[in-house]
Amino acid sequence: MSAKLLYLAPRGRPDIMTAVSFLCTRVQQPNVEDWEKLSRVLRYLKSTKELDEITQMYSCVDSAHMAHHDLKGHTGGFICFKNGAFAAKSKKQRLNSNSSCEAELIGAGEYLKQIIWARNFMIAQGYEMKPTIIFQDNESTIKLINNGRRSSSSKTRHIDNKYFYIHDKIMDGEIKTNFKPTDEMWADGLSKPLQGNQFVLFRNQVLNANIEN
């Protein structure tokens, strides 16, 4: 068991590395106290298994409507397991949109490609992935994503079908959408310039840092 813990610690749970290192010095002649210490480490791992959960991915996707001089929008997004992004993107949209809702749908549809690639990569490594949660700060866009063209109105029924591909992934159970208020939308800094405290909060989330300035 100590050997298994020694394999795990440097690869995913450095918080137990010191305890495991000491346990490995007692492999030859363990006593009752050593077995109790080993049991304590195992109980700790069981009670904190959500800390190394890598079957649940999260993504924040945000778009700024008419952000450029030619009135095209801008999309930013990143993917993470907890805090700290392992993939991020900030890119000008290729077409003009008529509303912020449309810009958000276009952005989510485009960034979905990156999300699907990341899911497929993890599945190829043998992980059984839970539905990836995409955070959005536009409730109208969430309705369009969840309901597809059924919730289209005269303002959105012109949108190209390819941007509703994300709805198919919702129906397949691969993707879920959750609402996140704009002031908590971590991808905001990838769709528009931020300053002051807003930038600090964005940077700390994306880099998994705790820096005050």
Protein backbone atom coordinates (compact mmCIF):
# COMPACT_ATOMS: atom_id res chain seq x y z
CA MET A 1 0.00 0.00 0.00
CA SER A 2 2.85 2.41 0.76
CA ALA A 3 4.21 1.82 -2.75
CA LYS A 4 0.84 2.74 -4.27
CA LEU A 5 0.72 5.90 -2.20
CA LEU A 6 4.29 6.69 -3.23
CA TYR A 7 3.17 6.48 -6.87
CA LEU A 8 0.12 8.67 -6.26
CA ALA A 9 1.65 11.45 -4.15
CA PRO A 10 4.00 13.16 -6.64
CA ARG A 11 1.57 12.72 -9.53
CA GLY A 12 -1.63 14.06 -8.06
CA ARG A 13 -1.64 14.41 -4.27
CA PRO A 14 1.49 16.24 -3.09
CA ASP A 15 -0.39 17.08 0.13
CA ILE A 16 0.32 13.52 1.38
CA MET A 17 3.90 13.35 0.15
CA THR A 18 5.55 14.00 3.53
CA ALA A 19 3.40 11.45 5.33
CA VAL A 20 4.04 8.85 2.61
CA SER A 21 7.76 9.54 2.67
CA PHE A 22 7.90 8.77 6.41
CA LEU A 23 5.67 5.70 6.01
CA CYS A 24 8.01 4.28 3.38
CA THR A 25 10.86 4.28 5.91
CA ARG A 26 8.81 1.88 8.07
CA VAL A 27 7.97 -0.73 5.44
CA GLN A 28 10.45 -3.32 6.70
CA GLN A 29 9.44 -3.37 10.35
CA PRO A 30 6.08 -1.63 10.82
CA ASN A 31 4.48 -1.49 14.25
CA VAL A 32 0.93 -0.79 15.38
CA GLU A 33 1.54 2.95 15.36
CA ASP A 34 2.75 2.80 11.75
CA TRP A 35 -0.40 0.94 10.69
CA GLU A 36 -2.49 3.59 12.42
CA LYS A 37 -0.64 6.32 10.53
CA LEU A 38 -1.23 4.49 7.25
CA SER A 39 -4.92 4.14 8.06
CA ARG A 40 -5.10 7.84 8.84
CA VAL A 41 -3.66 8.72 5.41
CA LEU A 42 -6.16 6.42 3.70
CA ARG A 43 -9.06 7.94 5.65
CA TYR A 44 -7.83 11.40 4.68
CA LEU A 45 -7.71 10.44 1.00
CA LYS A 46 -11.21 9.00 1.17
CA SER A 47 -12.62 12.14 2.79
CA THR A 48 -10.90 14.47 0.29
CA LYS A 49 -11.23 12.49 -2.93
CA GLU A 50 -13.12 15.39 -4.54
CA LEU A 51 -9.91 17.44 -4.39
CA ASP A 52 -8.32 15.39 -7.17
CA GLU A 53 -11.50 14.95 -9.16
CA ILE A 54 -10.51 15.11 -12.82
CA THR A 55 -13.65 13.60 -14.30
CA GLN A 56 -15.50 16.91 -13.91
CA MET A 57 -14.46 19.66 -16.28
CA TYR A 58 -15.70 23.23 -16.21
CA SER A 59 -15.62 25.87 -18.91
CA CYS A 60 -16.35 29.60 -18.82
CA VAL A 61 -17.25 31.19 -22.16
CA ASP A 62 -17.97 34.88 -22.58
CA SER A 63 -18.49 37.12 -25.61
CA ALA A 64 -18.45 40.87 -26.04
CA HIS A 65 -20.93 42.22 -28.59
CA MET A 66 -19.56 44.72 -31.17
CA ALA A 67 -16.17 44.83 -29.44
CA HIS A 68 -14.14 45.78 -32.53
CA HIS A 69 -14.11 48.74 -34.92
CA ASP A 70 -15.86 46.71 -37.61
CA LEU A 71 -18.56 45.86 -34.99
CA LYS A 72 -17.62 42.19 -34.80
CA GLY A 73 -17.74 40.53 -31.40
CA HIS A 74 -14.97 38.93 -29.37
CA THR A 75 -15.05 35.55 -27.60
CA GLY A 76 -12.98 34.37 -24.66
CA GLY A 77 -13.07 31.08 -22.84
CA PHE A 78 -11.10 28.64 -20.75
CA ILE A 79 -11.36 25.09 -19.42
CA CYS A 80 -10.40 23.91 -15.95
CA PHE A 81 -10.97 21.16 -13.41
CA LYS A 82 -11.09 23.44 -10.36
CA ASN A 83 -9.12 26.67 -10.29
CA GLY A 84 -6.50 27.37 -12.92
CA ALA A 85 -7.09 27.01 -16.66
CA PHE A 86 -5.33 24.33 -18.68
CA ALA A 87 -6.69 25.68 -21.99
CA ALA A 88 -7.74 29.22 -22.89
CA LYS A 89 -8.69 31.19 -25.98
CA SER A 90 -9.36 34.83 -26.85
CA LYS A 91 -10.39 35.50 -30.45
CA LYS A 92 -12.28 37.97 -32.60
CA GLN A 93 -15.52 36.56 -33.98
CA ARG A 94 -15.66 36.02 -37.74
CA LEU A 95 -19.08 37.54 -38.35
CA ASN A 96 -21.26 40.33 -37.09
CA SER A 97 -24.09 39.57 -34.68
CA ASN A 98 -27.33 41.43 -34.06
CA SER A 99 -27.41 41.16 -30.27
CA SER A 100 -25.38 40.17 -27.23
CA CYS A 101 -27.44 36.96 -27.03
CA GLU A 102 -26.44 36.03 -30.58
CA ALA A 103 -22.80 36.93 -29.91
CA GLU A 104 -22.81 34.68 -26.82
CA LEU A 105 -24.33 31.77 -28.78
CA ILE A 106 -21.78 32.15 -31.56
CA GLY A 107 -18.98 32.26 -29.01
CA ALA A 108 -20.21 29.19 -27.14
CA GLY A 109 -20.66 27.29 -30.39
CA GLU A 110 -17.15 28.11 -31.54
CA TYR A 111 -15.48 27.32 -28.21
CA LEU A 112 -17.35 24.01 -27.99
CA LYS A 113 -14.75 22.54 -30.35
CA GLN A 114 -12.04 23.03 -27.73
CA ILE A 115 -14.25 21.57 -25.00
CA ILE A 116 -15.06 18.45 -27.03
CA TRP A 117 -11.38 17.93 -27.82
CA ALA A 118 -10.48 18.14 -24.11
CA ARG A 119 -13.27 15.69 -23.19
CA ASN A 120 -12.22 13.23 -25.87
CA PHE A 121 -8.60 13.44 -24.74
CA MET A 122 -9.55 12.59 -21.15
CA ILE A 123 -11.80 9.75 -22.30
CA ALA A 124 -8.92 8.37 -24.38
CA GLN A 125 -6.84 8.25 -21.17
CA GLY A 126 -9.48 5.98 -19.64
CA TYR A 127 -11.49 8.48 -17.55
CA GLU A 128 -15.28 8.31 -17.41
CA MET A 129 -16.05 11.98 -17.76
CA LYS A 130 -19.05 13.65 -16.17
CA PRO A 131 -20.97 16.21 -18.27
CA THR A 132 -18.81 19.30 -18.76
CA ILE A 133 -20.39 22.36 -17.15
CA ILE A 134 -20.29 25.51 -19.26
CA PHE A 135 -20.84 28.74 -17.34
CA GLN A 136 -22.70 31.53 -19.15
CA ASP A 137 -23.77 34.99 -17.98
CA ASN A 138 -26.56 35.46 -20.55
CA GLU A 139 -29.80 33.72 -19.59
CA SER A 140 -31.32 34.10 -23.07
CA THR A 141 -28.31 32.30 -24.54
CA ILE A 142 -28.68 29.50 -21.99
CA LYS A 143 -32.29 29.01 -23.10
CA LEU A 144 -31.23 28.82 -26.74
CA ILE A 145 -28.49 26.32 -25.89
CA ASN A 146 -30.78 24.13 -23.77
CA ASN A 147 -33.88 24.27 -26.00
CA GLY A 148 -32.34 24.67 -29.44
CA ARG A 149 -34.46 26.26 -32.13
CA ARG A 150 -37.60 25.56 -30.13
CA SER A 151 -36.93 28.73 -28.16
CA SER A 152 -35.97 30.81 -31.20
CA SER A 153 -37.87 34.03 -31.83
CA SER A 154 -37.97 36.49 -34.70
CA LYS A 155 -34.71 37.91 -33.34
CA THR A 156 -32.79 34.62 -33.36
CA ARG A 157 -34.32 32.29 -35.96
CA HIS A 158 -31.86 33.54 -38.61
CA ILE A 159 -28.85 32.14 -36.69
CA ASP A 160 -26.93 29.46 -38.58
CA ASN A 161 -27.73 25.88 -37.61
CA LYS A 162 -24.09 25.10 -36.84
CA TYR A 163 -24.26 27.26 -33.72
CA PHE A 164 -27.01 25.02 -32.36
CA TYR A 165 -24.69 22.00 -32.46
CA ILE A 166 -24.09 22.69 -28.79
CA HIS A 167 -27.75 21.78 -28.16
CA ASP A 168 -27.06 18.30 -29.55
CA LYS A 169 -24.30 17.87 -26.99
CA ILE A 170 -26.74 18.93 -24.26
CA MET A 171 -29.17 16.24 -25.41
CA ASP A 172 -26.37 13.65 -25.54
CA GLY A 173 -25.53 14.40 -21.89
CA GLU A 174 -21.99 15.57 -22.64
CA ILE A 175 -22.58 19.23 -21.76
CA LYS A 176 -24.53 21.17 -19.14
CA THR A 177 -25.01 24.94 -18.86
CA ASN A 178 -25.05 26.91 -15.62
CA PHE A 179 -25.70 30.59 -15.11
CA LYS A 180 -22.95 32.72 -13.59
CA PRO A 181 -23.47 36.46 -12.99
CA THR A 182 -21.33 38.81 -15.06
CA ASP A 183 -19.30 40.01 -12.05
CA GLU A 184 -18.37 36.37 -11.37
CA MET A 185 -17.75 35.42 -15.01
CA TRP A 186 -14.08 34.47 -14.99
CA ALA A 187 -13.83 34.45 -18.79
CA ASP A 188 -14.76 38.15 -18.86
CA GLY A 189 -11.09 39.06 -19.03
CA LEU A 190 -10.66 37.01 -22.20
CA SER A 191 -13.43 38.82 -24.08
CA LYS A 192 -12.65 42.41 -23.08
CA PRO A 193 -9.92 44.37 -21.26
CA LEU A 194 -10.33 44.55 -17.48
CA GLN A 195 -8.75 46.89 -14.96
CA GLY A 196 -8.16 47.06 -11.22
CA ASN A 197 -9.77 44.51 -8.94
CA GLN A 198 -11.68 42.90 -11.80
CA PHE A 199 -8.43 42.06 -13.58
CA VAL A 200 -6.83 40.76 -10.37
CA LEU A 201 -9.79 38.43 -9.73
CA PHE A 202 -9.70 37.20 -13.33
CA ARG A 203 -5.94 36.60 -13.25
CA ASN A 204 -6.02 34.76 -9.93
CA GLN A 205 -8.76 32.44 -11.14
CA VAL A 206 -7.18 31.65 -14.49
CA LEU A 207 -3.67 31.18 -13.05
CA ASN A 208 -4.85 29.63 -9.74
CA ALA A 209 -2.88 32.37 -7.98
CA ASN A 210 -3.48 34.38 -4.83
CA ILE A 211 -1.78 37.66 -5.61
CA GLU A 212 -3.25 40.91 -4.36
CA ASN A 213 -1.89 43.24 -7.06
